[in-house]
Amino acid sequence: SLTDKDGDSVRDAGKTRKCDVNDQSVGTAECDKILYIATRNAANYDYDLVLMDTDGSQRTGLLPSNISGSSPQVGQNGTKILFKRLYPDGGDFDDLYIMNTDGSGMTPVTSNRPVYGLADLSPDGSKAVFEGGSAGGKIFTINTDGTGLTQLTPNDQYDSDPVFSTDGTKIVFVRRIVVSGQLVGEELFSKNV
């Protein structure tokens, strides 16, 4: 079983969840694999998503050489990976893709839609939540088949870092608090979905 920096187990008894190993990696629901980002060519925004056993063996690159990815999120049931596809020009459009944990079945979730920061996958794997909008700061959900794009937060706020609750009924996100044009802090908010 994986442990955190204090040596405590990162598994919940009786249920599965993502296992955070360090800042750039997560494990499958069973915590028997680690998914991390490997640099192929940083100057060209070229990164692979690599799956390996917790002892460091059996490393498997999941992305073909013509696709670069970042910000992987493993679904709570450990069968799907949601990630951002990066484009070589480093432009504003990073699309969301979903695939099986063995790299098969890769399909786009968004197309030519600005995606900022991290995205998250609903517990049942049917929806993704992400920060988007022309300048970021808006929270959207979309079905993982690419349909049903819905903006959840208002245009007059700046919201980021959305995640689904473990039961999938709420989204928790960070809202910037601005007073008289000055950022004075950030607060956590939640919204029913």
N, C-alpha and C. Protein backbone atom coordinates (compact mmCIF):
# COMPACT_ATOMS: atom_id res chain seq x y z
N SER A 1 0.84 -1.18 0.00
CA SER A 1 0.00 0.00 0.00
C SER A 1 0.88 1.24 0.00
N LEU A 2 0.44 2.30 -0.69
CA LEU A 2 1.20 3.54 -0.74
C LEU A 2 1.04 4.30 0.56
N THR A 3 2.06 5.11 0.89
CA THR A 3 1.99 5.92 2.10
C THR A 3 2.28 7.37 1.73
N ASP A 4 1.81 8.28 2.60
CA ASP A 4 2.11 9.68 2.37
C ASP A 4 3.44 10.04 3.02
N LYS A 5 3.78 11.34 3.05
CA LYS A 5 5.08 11.78 3.55
C LYS A 5 5.29 11.44 5.03
N ASP A 6 4.20 11.26 5.77
CA ASP A 6 4.30 10.91 7.20
C ASP A 6 4.26 9.41 7.43
N GLY A 7 4.18 8.63 6.37
CA GLY A 7 4.14 7.19 6.50
C GLY A 7 2.75 6.62 6.70
N ASP A 8 1.72 7.48 6.66
CA ASP A 8 0.34 7.01 6.82
C ASP A 8 -0.18 6.46 5.50
N SER A 9 -1.03 5.46 5.57
CA SER A 9 -1.61 4.89 4.37
C SER A 9 -2.48 5.93 3.69
N VAL A 10 -2.48 5.94 2.35
CA VAL A 10 -3.32 6.87 1.60
C VAL A 10 -4.55 6.17 1.03
N ARG A 11 -4.87 5.02 1.57
CA ARG A 11 -6.08 4.30 1.16
C ARG A 11 -7.14 4.45 2.23
N ASP A 12 -8.37 4.60 1.80
CA ASP A 12 -9.50 4.61 2.72
C ASP A 12 -9.97 3.18 2.90
N ALA A 13 -10.18 2.78 4.13
CA ALA A 13 -10.68 1.42 4.39
C ALA A 13 -12.07 1.27 3.81
N GLY A 14 -12.30 0.22 3.07
CA GLY A 14 -13.63 -0.09 2.57
C GLY A 14 -14.05 0.63 1.31
N LYS A 15 -13.28 1.59 0.81
CA LYS A 15 -13.63 2.23 -0.45
C LYS A 15 -12.34 2.62 -1.16
N THR A 16 -12.46 2.87 -2.44
CA THR A 16 -11.28 3.23 -3.21
C THR A 16 -11.29 4.71 -3.52
N ARG A 17 -10.11 5.26 -3.77
CA ARG A 17 -9.98 6.66 -4.19
C ARG A 17 -8.65 6.83 -4.88
N LYS A 18 -8.44 7.99 -5.45
CA LYS A 18 -7.14 8.29 -6.05
C LYS A 18 -6.11 8.38 -4.94
N CYS A 19 -4.92 7.94 -5.19
CA CYS A 19 -3.84 7.98 -4.20
C CYS A 19 -2.81 8.99 -4.65
N ASP A 20 -2.74 10.12 -3.97
CA ASP A 20 -1.76 11.14 -4.32
C ASP A 20 -0.40 10.70 -3.81
N VAL A 21 0.55 10.57 -4.73
CA VAL A 21 1.88 10.11 -4.37
C VAL A 21 2.82 11.30 -4.21
N ASN A 22 2.76 12.26 -5.10
CA ASN A 22 3.48 13.52 -4.96
C ASN A 22 2.77 14.54 -5.83
N ASP A 23 3.38 15.69 -6.04
CA ASP A 23 2.70 16.77 -6.75
C ASP A 23 2.28 16.42 -8.16
N GLN A 24 2.94 15.51 -8.85
CA GLN A 24 2.66 15.23 -10.25
C GLN A 24 2.13 13.83 -10.51
N SER A 25 1.75 13.07 -9.50
CA SER A 25 1.32 11.71 -9.81
C SER A 25 0.14 11.28 -8.97
N VAL A 26 -0.64 10.39 -9.54
CA VAL A 26 -1.78 9.81 -8.84
C VAL A 26 -1.79 8.32 -9.14
N GLY A 27 -2.42 7.56 -8.31
CA GLY A 27 -2.50 6.13 -8.55
C GLY A 27 -3.89 5.72 -8.99
N THR A 28 -4.03 4.51 -9.44
CA THR A 28 -5.34 4.00 -9.79
C THR A 28 -6.13 3.77 -8.51
N ALA A 29 -7.39 3.47 -8.65
CA ALA A 29 -8.25 3.31 -7.47
C ALA A 29 -7.73 2.23 -6.54
N GLU A 30 -7.10 1.19 -7.09
CA GLU A 30 -6.58 0.12 -6.25
C GLU A 30 -5.22 0.47 -5.66
N CYS A 31 -4.66 1.57 -6.07
CA CYS A 31 -3.35 2.04 -5.59
C CYS A 31 -2.23 1.05 -5.90
N ASP A 32 -2.36 0.28 -6.98
CA ASP A 32 -1.30 -0.64 -7.35
C ASP A 32 -0.46 -0.11 -8.50
N LYS A 33 -0.83 1.02 -9.05
CA LYS A 33 -0.11 1.65 -10.15
C LYS A 33 0.04 3.13 -9.84
N ILE A 34 1.05 3.74 -10.46
CA ILE A 34 1.25 5.18 -10.35
C ILE A 34 1.22 5.75 -11.76
N LEU A 35 0.50 6.83 -11.94
CA LEU A 35 0.41 7.53 -13.21
C LEU A 35 1.17 8.85 -13.04
N TYR A 36 2.13 9.11 -13.94
CA TYR A 36 2.88 10.36 -13.82
C TYR A 36 3.15 10.94 -15.20
N ILE A 37 3.61 12.20 -15.20
CA ILE A 37 3.94 12.91 -16.43
C ILE A 37 5.43 12.78 -16.68
N ALA A 38 5.81 12.34 -17.87
CA ALA A 38 7.22 12.20 -18.24
C ALA A 38 7.52 13.17 -19.39
N THR A 39 8.60 13.91 -19.26
CA THR A 39 8.99 14.88 -20.28
C THR A 39 9.65 14.16 -21.46
N ARG A 40 9.11 14.39 -22.64
CA ARG A 40 9.76 13.91 -23.86
C ARG A 40 10.60 15.05 -24.46
N ASN A 41 10.03 16.27 -24.51
CA ASN A 41 10.74 17.45 -25.01
C ASN A 41 10.01 18.68 -24.48
N ALA A 42 10.49 19.24 -23.37
CA ALA A 42 9.81 20.36 -22.70
C ALA A 42 9.74 21.60 -23.59
N ALA A 43 10.75 21.84 -24.43
CA ALA A 43 10.75 23.02 -25.29
C ALA A 43 9.58 22.99 -26.28
N ASN A 44 9.12 21.80 -26.63
CA ASN A 44 8.00 21.65 -27.56
C ASN A 44 6.70 21.23 -26.87
N TYR A 45 6.62 21.41 -25.55
CA TYR A 45 5.44 21.01 -24.78
C TYR A 45 5.08 19.56 -25.04
N ASP A 46 6.09 18.68 -25.05
CA ASP A 46 5.90 17.28 -25.39
C ASP A 46 6.07 16.41 -24.15
N TYR A 47 4.95 15.91 -23.62
CA TYR A 47 4.95 15.11 -22.40
C TYR A 47 4.14 13.84 -22.62
N ASP A 48 4.58 12.76 -22.01
CA ASP A 48 3.86 11.50 -22.06
C ASP A 48 3.22 11.25 -20.70
N LEU A 49 2.20 10.46 -20.65
CA LEU A 49 1.62 9.96 -19.41
C LEU A 49 2.10 8.53 -19.27
N VAL A 50 2.74 8.22 -18.14
CA VAL A 50 3.36 6.92 -17.94
C VAL A 50 2.72 6.24 -16.74
N LEU A 51 2.41 4.97 -16.91
CA LEU A 51 1.86 4.15 -15.84
C LEU A 51 2.92 3.16 -15.42
N MET A 52 3.13 3.02 -14.10
CA MET A 52 4.12 2.05 -13.62
C MET A 52 3.63 1.42 -12.33
N ASP A 53 4.22 0.28 -11.99
CA ASP A 53 3.93 -0.37 -10.72
C ASP A 53 4.50 0.49 -9.58
N THR A 54 3.97 0.32 -8.39
CA THR A 54 4.41 1.14 -7.25
C THR A 54 5.86 0.90 -6.87
N ASP A 55 6.45 -0.21 -7.32
CA ASP A 55 7.87 -0.46 -7.03
C ASP A 55 8.78 0.12 -8.12
N GLY A 56 8.19 0.85 -9.09
CA GLY A 56 8.97 1.49 -10.15
C GLY A 56 9.16 0.64 -11.38
N SER A 57 8.68 -0.59 -11.38
CA SER A 57 8.83 -1.46 -12.54
C SER A 57 7.64 -1.32 -13.48
N GLN A 58 7.73 -1.98 -14.62
CA GLN A 58 6.65 -2.05 -15.61
C GLN A 58 6.16 -0.67 -16.06
N ARG A 59 7.09 0.18 -16.47
CA ARG A 59 6.73 1.51 -16.97
C ARG A 59 6.17 1.41 -18.38
N THR A 60 5.01 2.01 -18.59
CA THR A 60 4.35 1.97 -19.88
C THR A 60 3.88 3.36 -20.27
N GLY A 61 4.42 3.90 -21.38
CA GLY A 61 3.93 5.16 -21.91
C GLY A 61 2.55 4.95 -22.52
N LEU A 62 1.63 5.84 -22.24
CA LEU A 62 0.25 5.66 -22.68
C LEU A 62 -0.12 6.46 -23.92
N LEU A 63 0.64 7.50 -24.23
CA LEU A 63 0.28 8.37 -25.34
C LEU A 63 1.13 8.09 -26.58
N PRO A 64 0.52 8.13 -27.77
CA PRO A 64 1.33 8.02 -28.98
C PRO A 64 2.25 9.23 -29.09
N SER A 65 3.31 9.11 -29.88
CA SER A 65 4.33 10.16 -29.94
C SER A 65 3.80 11.48 -30.49
N ASN A 66 2.69 11.47 -31.21
CA ASN A 66 2.14 12.71 -31.76
C ASN A 66 1.14 13.40 -30.83
N ILE A 67 0.95 12.87 -29.62
CA ILE A 67 0.04 13.48 -28.65
C ILE A 67 0.80 13.73 -27.36
N SER A 68 0.69 14.96 -26.87
CA SER A 68 1.32 15.37 -25.62
C SER A 68 0.23 15.62 -24.59
N GLY A 69 0.45 15.17 -23.34
CA GLY A 69 -0.59 15.31 -22.33
C GLY A 69 -0.06 15.80 -21.00
N SER A 70 -0.97 16.33 -20.18
CA SER A 70 -0.64 16.77 -18.83
C SER A 70 -1.88 16.66 -17.95
N SER A 71 -1.71 16.95 -16.69
CA SER A 71 -2.80 17.04 -15.71
C SER A 71 -3.70 15.81 -15.70
N PRO A 72 -3.13 14.60 -15.61
CA PRO A 72 -3.99 13.40 -15.63
C PRO A 72 -4.78 13.26 -14.34
N GLN A 73 -6.01 12.81 -14.48
CA GLN A 73 -6.87 12.51 -13.35
C GLN A 73 -7.45 11.11 -13.56
N VAL A 74 -7.24 10.24 -12.59
CA VAL A 74 -7.78 8.88 -12.68
C VAL A 74 -9.16 8.87 -12.07
N GLY A 75 -10.14 8.28 -12.77
CA GLY A 75 -11.48 8.17 -12.23
C GLY A 75 -11.49 7.33 -10.97
N GLN A 76 -12.49 7.57 -10.13
CA GLN A 76 -12.55 6.89 -8.83
C GLN A 76 -12.63 5.38 -8.93
N ASN A 77 -13.15 4.87 -10.05
CA ASN A 77 -13.20 3.41 -10.19
C ASN A 77 -11.93 2.84 -10.80
N GLY A 78 -10.97 3.73 -11.15
CA GLY A 78 -9.66 3.28 -11.62
C GLY A 78 -9.61 2.77 -13.04
N THR A 79 -10.66 2.99 -13.85
CA THR A 79 -10.66 2.46 -15.22
C THR A 79 -10.45 3.51 -16.30
N LYS A 80 -10.62 4.79 -15.98
CA LYS A 80 -10.51 5.86 -16.97
C LYS A 80 -9.52 6.93 -16.50
N ILE A 81 -8.87 7.57 -17.48
CA ILE A 81 -7.98 8.69 -17.22
C ILE A 81 -8.46 9.87 -18.03
N LEU A 82 -8.67 10.99 -17.37
CA LEU A 82 -8.98 12.25 -18.02
C LEU A 82 -7.68 13.06 -18.03
N PHE A 83 -7.34 13.67 -19.18
CA PHE A 83 -6.11 14.46 -19.23
C PHE A 83 -6.26 15.61 -20.20
N LYS A 84 -5.36 16.59 -20.09
CA LYS A 84 -5.32 17.70 -21.03
C LYS A 84 -4.36 17.36 -22.15
N ARG A 85 -4.84 17.49 -23.38
CA ARG A 85 -3.96 17.34 -24.53
C ARG A 85 -3.34 18.70 -24.80
N LEU A 86 -2.01 18.73 -24.82
CA LEU A 86 -1.28 19.97 -25.09
C LEU A 86 -0.93 20.03 -26.56
N TYR A 87 -0.94 21.23 -27.11
CA TYR A 87 -0.59 21.39 -28.52
C TYR A 87 0.79 22.03 -28.64
N PRO A 88 1.58 21.65 -29.65
CA PRO A 88 2.98 22.07 -29.75
C PRO A 88 3.20 23.57 -29.78
N ASP A 89 2.22 24.34 -30.28
CA ASP A 89 2.42 25.79 -30.34
C ASP A 89 2.27 26.45 -28.99
N GLY A 90 1.85 25.68 -27.96
CA GLY A 90 1.68 26.24 -26.62
C GLY A 90 0.57 27.27 -26.55
N GLY A 91 -0.35 27.22 -27.51
CA GLY A 91 -1.43 28.21 -27.59
C GLY A 91 -2.46 28.08 -26.47
N ASP A 92 -3.55 28.79 -26.65
CA ASP A 92 -4.58 28.87 -25.61
C ASP A 92 -5.48 27.64 -25.52
N PHE A 93 -5.46 26.78 -26.53
CA PHE A 93 -6.41 25.69 -26.55
C PHE A 93 -5.76 24.37 -26.16
N ASP A 94 -6.04 23.90 -24.96
CA ASP A 94 -5.69 22.56 -24.51
C ASP A 94 -7.01 21.83 -24.37
N ASP A 95 -7.17 20.75 -25.09
CA ASP A 95 -8.43 20.01 -25.04
C ASP A 95 -8.38 18.91 -24.00
N LEU A 96 -9.54 18.52 -23.49
CA LEU A 96 -9.65 17.37 -22.59
C LEU A 96 -9.86 16.11 -23.42
N TYR A 97 -9.18 15.05 -23.01
CA TYR A 97 -9.33 13.73 -23.62
C TYR A 97 -9.59 12.73 -22.50
N ILE A 98 -10.20 11.62 -22.85
CA ILE A 98 -10.41 10.53 -21.90
C ILE A 98 -9.92 9.24 -22.56
N MET A 99 -9.40 8.33 -21.75
CA MET A 99 -8.95 7.04 -22.27
C MET A 99 -9.02 6.01 -21.15
N ASN A 100 -8.92 4.76 -21.52
CA ASN A 100 -8.82 3.68 -20.54
C ASN A 100 -7.45 3.75 -19.89
N THR A 101 -7.29 3.15 -18.72
CA THR A 101 -6.02 3.23 -18.00
C THR A 101 -4.90 2.48 -18.70
N ASP A 102 -5.19 1.69 -19.72
CA ASP A 102 -4.12 1.06 -20.50
C ASP A 102 -3.76 1.87 -21.73
N GLY A 103 -4.37 3.06 -21.91
CA GLY A 103 -4.10 3.94 -23.04
C GLY A 103 -5.01 3.72 -24.23
N SER A 104 -5.83 2.70 -24.20
CA SER A 104 -6.74 2.43 -25.33
C SER A 104 -7.99 3.31 -25.23
N GLY A 105 -8.72 3.38 -26.32
CA GLY A 105 -9.99 4.08 -26.33
C GLY A 105 -9.88 5.59 -26.14
N MET A 106 -8.78 6.20 -26.59
CA MET A 106 -8.58 7.64 -26.40
C MET A 106 -9.54 8.43 -27.28
N THR A 107 -10.33 9.30 -26.66
CA THR A 107 -11.28 10.13 -27.41
C THR A 107 -11.30 11.54 -26.84
N PRO A 108 -11.53 12.54 -27.71
CA PRO A 108 -11.62 13.92 -27.22
C PRO A 108 -12.92 14.15 -26.47
N VAL A 109 -12.84 14.96 -25.43
CA VAL A 109 -14.02 15.38 -24.69
C VAL A 109 -14.40 16.80 -25.11
N THR A 110 -13.39 17.67 -25.26
CA THR A 110 -13.62 19.03 -25.75
C THR A 110 -12.87 19.20 -27.06
N SER A 111 -13.28 20.23 -27.82
CA SER A 111 -12.62 20.52 -29.09
C SER A 111 -12.54 22.04 -29.25
N ASN A 112 -11.31 22.55 -29.40
CA ASN A 112 -11.08 23.99 -29.54
C ASN A 112 -11.75 24.80 -28.44
N ARG A 113 -11.67 24.31 -27.24
CA ARG A 113 -12.26 24.98 -26.08
C ARG A 113 -11.12 25.26 -25.11
N PRO A 114 -10.92 26.52 -24.69
CA PRO A 114 -9.85 26.78 -23.73
C PRO A 114 -10.09 26.03 -22.41
N VAL A 115 -9.11 25.23 -22.01
CA VAL A 115 -9.17 24.50 -20.75
C VAL A 115 -7.96 24.93 -19.93
N TYR A 116 -8.20 25.44 -18.73
CA TYR A 116 -7.14 25.93 -17.87
C TYR A 116 -7.05 25.06 -16.61
N GLY A 117 -5.87 25.00 -16.02
CA GLY A 117 -5.70 24.30 -14.75
C GLY A 117 -6.08 22.84 -14.84
N LEU A 118 -6.44 22.29 -13.70
CA LEU A 118 -6.81 20.88 -13.62
C LEU A 118 -8.27 20.68 -13.94
N ALA A 119 -8.59 19.50 -14.43
CA ALA A 119 -9.97 19.09 -14.65
C ALA A 119 -10.20 17.88 -13.74
N ASP A 120 -11.45 17.50 -13.54
CA ASP A 120 -11.75 16.35 -12.71
C ASP A 120 -12.83 15.52 -13.38
N LEU A 121 -12.82 14.24 -13.07
CA LEU A 121 -13.76 13.28 -13.62
C LEU A 121 -14.78 12.92 -12.55
N SER A 122 -16.05 12.86 -12.93
CA SER A 122 -17.10 12.49 -11.96
C SER A 122 -16.87 11.05 -11.49
N PRO A 123 -17.38 10.71 -10.29
CA PRO A 123 -17.16 9.36 -9.76
C PRO A 123 -17.61 8.24 -10.70
N ASP A 124 -18.70 8.47 -11.45
CA ASP A 124 -19.16 7.41 -12.37
C ASP A 124 -18.49 7.51 -13.74
N GLY A 125 -17.62 8.52 -13.95
CA GLY A 125 -16.89 8.65 -15.20
C GLY A 125 -17.68 9.23 -16.35
N SER A 126 -18.90 9.72 -16.09
CA SER A 126 -19.74 10.21 -17.18
C SER A 126 -19.56 11.69 -17.49
N LYS A 127 -18.97 12.46 -16.56
CA LYS A 127 -18.82 13.90 -16.74
C LYS A 127 -17.42 14.35 -16.35
N ALA A 128 -17.02 15.47 -16.95
CA ALA A 128 -15.79 16.15 -16.55
C ALA A 128 -16.17 17.56 -16.11
N VAL A 129 -15.40 18.11 -15.19
CA VAL A 129 -15.55 19.50 -14.78
C VAL A 129 -14.20 20.17 -15.00
N PHE A 130 -14.23 21.43 -15.49
CA PHE A 130 -12.98 22.12 -15.79
C PHE A 130 -13.18 23.63 -15.73
N GLU A 131 -12.04 24.33 -15.63
CA GLU A 131 -12.04 25.79 -15.72
C GLU A 131 -11.82 26.14 -17.18
N GLY A 132 -12.69 26.99 -17.73
CA GLY A 132 -12.58 27.39 -19.12
C GLY A 132 -13.01 28.82 -19.32
N GLY A 133 -13.42 29.14 -20.53
CA GLY A 133 -13.78 30.50 -20.88
C GLY A 133 -12.63 31.15 -21.63
N SER A 134 -12.91 32.22 -22.34
CA SER A 134 -11.89 32.86 -23.18
C SER A 134 -10.69 33.35 -22.37
N ALA A 135 -10.90 33.73 -21.12
CA ALA A 135 -9.79 34.17 -20.26
C ALA A 135 -9.72 33.33 -18.98
N GLY A 136 -10.37 32.18 -18.99
CA GLY A 136 -10.40 31.34 -17.80
C GLY A 136 -11.39 31.88 -16.79
N GLY A 137 -11.43 31.24 -15.63
CA GLY A 137 -12.25 31.74 -14.54
C GLY A 137 -13.70 31.32 -14.54
N LYS A 138 -14.10 30.46 -15.45
CA LYS A 138 -15.49 29.96 -15.48
C LYS A 138 -15.44 28.45 -15.33
N ILE A 139 -16.39 27.90 -14.58
CA ILE A 139 -16.44 26.46 -14.36
C ILE A 139 -17.49 25.85 -15.29
N PHE A 140 -17.10 24.79 -15.99
CA PHE A 140 -17.97 24.09 -16.92
C PHE A 140 -18.02 22.61 -16.57
N THR A 141 -19.13 21.97 -16.91
CA THR A 141 -19.19 20.51 -16.95
C THR A 141 -19.47 20.11 -18.40
N ILE A 142 -19.06 18.89 -18.72
CA ILE A 142 -19.33 18.33 -20.05
C ILE A 142 -19.39 16.82 -19.90
N ASN A 143 -20.27 16.19 -20.65
CA ASN A 143 -20.30 14.73 -20.66
C ASN A 143 -19.00 14.23 -21.31
N THR A 144 -18.51 13.09 -20.88
CA THR A 144 -17.24 12.60 -21.42
C THR A 144 -17.35 12.14 -22.88
N ASP A 145 -18.56 12.10 -23.43
CA ASP A 145 -18.71 11.84 -24.87
C ASP A 145 -18.69 13.15 -25.67
N GLY A 146 -18.46 14.30 -24.99
CA GLY A 146 -18.34 15.58 -25.66
C GLY A 146 -19.63 16.37 -25.78
N THR A 147 -20.73 15.84 -25.29
CA THR A 147 -22.02 16.55 -25.37
C THR A 147 -22.31 17.23 -24.03
N GLY A 148 -23.31 18.10 -24.04
CA GLY A 148 -23.84 18.66 -22.80
C GLY A 148 -22.96 19.69 -22.11
N LEU A 149 -22.22 20.50 -22.86
CA LEU A 149 -21.39 21.52 -22.25
C LEU A 149 -22.28 22.52 -21.49
N THR A 150 -21.98 22.73 -20.19
CA THR A 150 -22.78 23.62 -19.35
C THR A 150 -21.87 24.50 -18.51
N GLN A 151 -22.08 25.82 -18.57
CA GLN A 151 -21.34 26.74 -17.71
C GLN A 151 -22.06 26.79 -16.36
N LEU A 152 -21.31 26.57 -15.27
CA LEU A 152 -21.91 26.51 -13.94
C LEU A 152 -21.76 27.79 -13.13
N THR A 153 -20.76 28.60 -13.43
CA THR A 153 -20.51 29.78 -12.61
C THR A 153 -20.72 31.04 -13.43
N PRO A 154 -21.03 32.16 -12.76
CA PRO A 154 -21.37 33.40 -13.48
C PRO A 154 -20.15 34.06 -14.12
N ASN A 155 -20.43 34.89 -15.12
CA ASN A 155 -19.36 35.59 -15.84
C ASN A 155 -18.67 36.66 -15.00
N ASP A 156 -19.32 37.16 -13.95
CA ASP A 156 -18.74 38.26 -13.17
C ASP A 156 -17.87 37.78 -12.02
N GLN A 157 -17.54 36.50 -11.96
CA GLN A 157 -16.67 35.94 -10.93
C GLN A 157 -15.49 35.25 -11.59
N TYR A 158 -14.41 35.04 -10.83
CA TYR A 158 -13.28 34.25 -11.33
C TYR A 158 -13.18 33.00 -10.47
N ASP A 159 -13.48 31.84 -11.05
CA ASP A 159 -13.53 30.58 -10.33
C ASP A 159 -12.54 29.59 -10.97
N SER A 160 -11.94 28.73 -10.14
CA SER A 160 -10.92 27.81 -10.65
C SER A 160 -10.88 26.54 -9.81
N ASP A 161 -10.04 25.60 -10.24
CA ASP A 161 -9.71 24.37 -9.51
C ASP A 161 -10.93 23.55 -9.09
N PRO A 162 -11.83 23.23 -10.04
CA PRO A 162 -13.03 22.48 -9.67
C PRO A 162 -12.76 20.99 -9.46
N VAL A 163 -13.44 20.39 -8.49
CA VAL A 163 -13.40 18.95 -8.26
C VAL A 163 -14.79 18.47 -7.88
N PHE A 164 -15.10 17.23 -8.27
CA PHE A 164 -16.36 16.62 -7.90
C PHE A 164 -16.29 16.12 -6.45
N SER A 165 -17.41 16.15 -5.75
CA SER A 165 -17.51 15.49 -4.45
C SER A 165 -17.45 13.99 -4.70
N THR A 166 -17.16 13.20 -3.66
CA THR A 166 -17.02 11.75 -3.85
C THR A 166 -18.31 11.09 -4.31
N ASP A 167 -19.47 11.70 -4.02
CA ASP A 167 -20.73 11.12 -4.49
C ASP A 167 -21.18 11.72 -5.82
N GLY A 168 -20.44 12.73 -6.35
CA GLY A 168 -20.75 13.30 -7.65
C GLY A 168 -21.89 14.29 -7.68
N THR A 169 -22.45 14.65 -6.53
CA THR A 169 -23.60 15.55 -6.51
C THR A 169 -23.21 17.02 -6.41
N LYS A 170 -21.97 17.31 -6.05
CA LYS A 170 -21.51 18.69 -5.89
C LYS A 170 -20.16 18.87 -6.57
N ILE A 171 -19.87 20.12 -6.88
CA ILE A 171 -18.55 20.51 -7.34
C ILE A 171 -18.03 21.55 -6.36
N VAL A 172 -16.80 21.35 -5.91
CA VAL A 172 -16.14 22.30 -5.03
C VAL A 172 -15.11 23.05 -5.89
N PHE A 173 -15.02 24.37 -5.71
CA PHE A 173 -14.10 25.17 -6.50
C PHE A 173 -13.61 26.36 -5.68
N VAL A 174 -12.58 27.02 -6.20
CA VAL A 174 -12.00 28.21 -5.55
C VAL A 174 -12.53 29.45 -6.26
N ARG A 175 -12.98 30.43 -5.47
CA ARG A 175 -13.43 31.72 -6.04
C ARG A 175 -12.52 32.82 -5.53
N ARG A 176 -12.03 33.63 -6.46
CA ARG A 176 -11.23 34.80 -6.07
C ARG A 176 -12.16 35.87 -5.52
N ILE A 177 -11.77 36.46 -4.40
CA ILE A 177 -12.55 37.54 -3.78
C ILE A 177 -11.84 38.86 -4.11
N VAL A 178 -12.55 39.72 -4.84
CA VAL A 178 -12.00 40.99 -5.29
C VAL A 178 -12.84 42.12 -4.69
N VAL A 179 -12.17 43.08 -4.06
CA VAL A 179 -12.83 44.25 -3.50
C VAL A 179 -12.17 45.48 -4.09
N SER A 180 -12.97 46.36 -4.67
CA SER A 180 -12.47 47.59 -5.29
C SER A 180 -11.31 47.30 -6.26
N GLY A 181 -11.45 46.24 -7.04
CA GLY A 181 -10.46 45.89 -8.04
C GLY A 181 -9.21 45.21 -7.51
N GLN A 182 -9.16 44.94 -6.21
CA GLN A 182 -7.99 44.30 -5.60
C GLN A 182 -8.34 42.89 -5.12
N LEU A 183 -7.47 41.94 -5.45
CA LEU A 183 -7.64 40.58 -4.95
C LEU A 183 -7.35 40.58 -3.45
N VAL A 184 -8.34 40.19 -2.64
CA VAL A 184 -8.16 40.18 -1.19
C VAL A 184 -8.12 38.77 -0.62
N GLY A 185 -8.37 37.78 -1.45
CA GLY A 185 -8.30 36.41 -0.97
C GLY A 185 -9.04 35.45 -1.89
N GLU A 186 -9.07 34.19 -1.45
CA GLU A 186 -9.79 33.15 -2.18
C GLU A 186 -10.59 32.35 -1.17
N GLU A 187 -11.75 31.87 -1.58
CA GLU A 187 -12.60 31.05 -0.73
C GLU A 187 -13.08 29.83 -1.49
N LEU A 188 -13.37 28.77 -0.73
CA LEU A 188 -13.94 27.57 -1.34
C LEU A 188 -15.45 27.72 -1.43
N PHE A 189 -15.99 27.32 -2.56
CA PHE A 189 -17.43 27.32 -2.78
C PHE A 189 -17.83 25.94 -3.28
N SER A 190 -19.11 25.62 -3.13
CA SER A 190 -19.61 24.38 -3.71
C SER A 190 -20.91 24.68 -4.44
N LYS A 191 -21.21 23.83 -5.40
CA LYS A 191 -22.41 24.00 -6.21
C LYS A 191 -22.97 22.63 -6.52
N ASN A 192 -24.29 22.50 -6.43
CA ASN A 192 -24.94 21.24 -6.81
C ASN A 192 -24.85 21.08 -8.32
N VAL A 193 -24.70 19.82 -8.76
CA VAL A 193 -24.70 19.57 -10.21
C VAL A 193 -25.84 18.65 -10.59
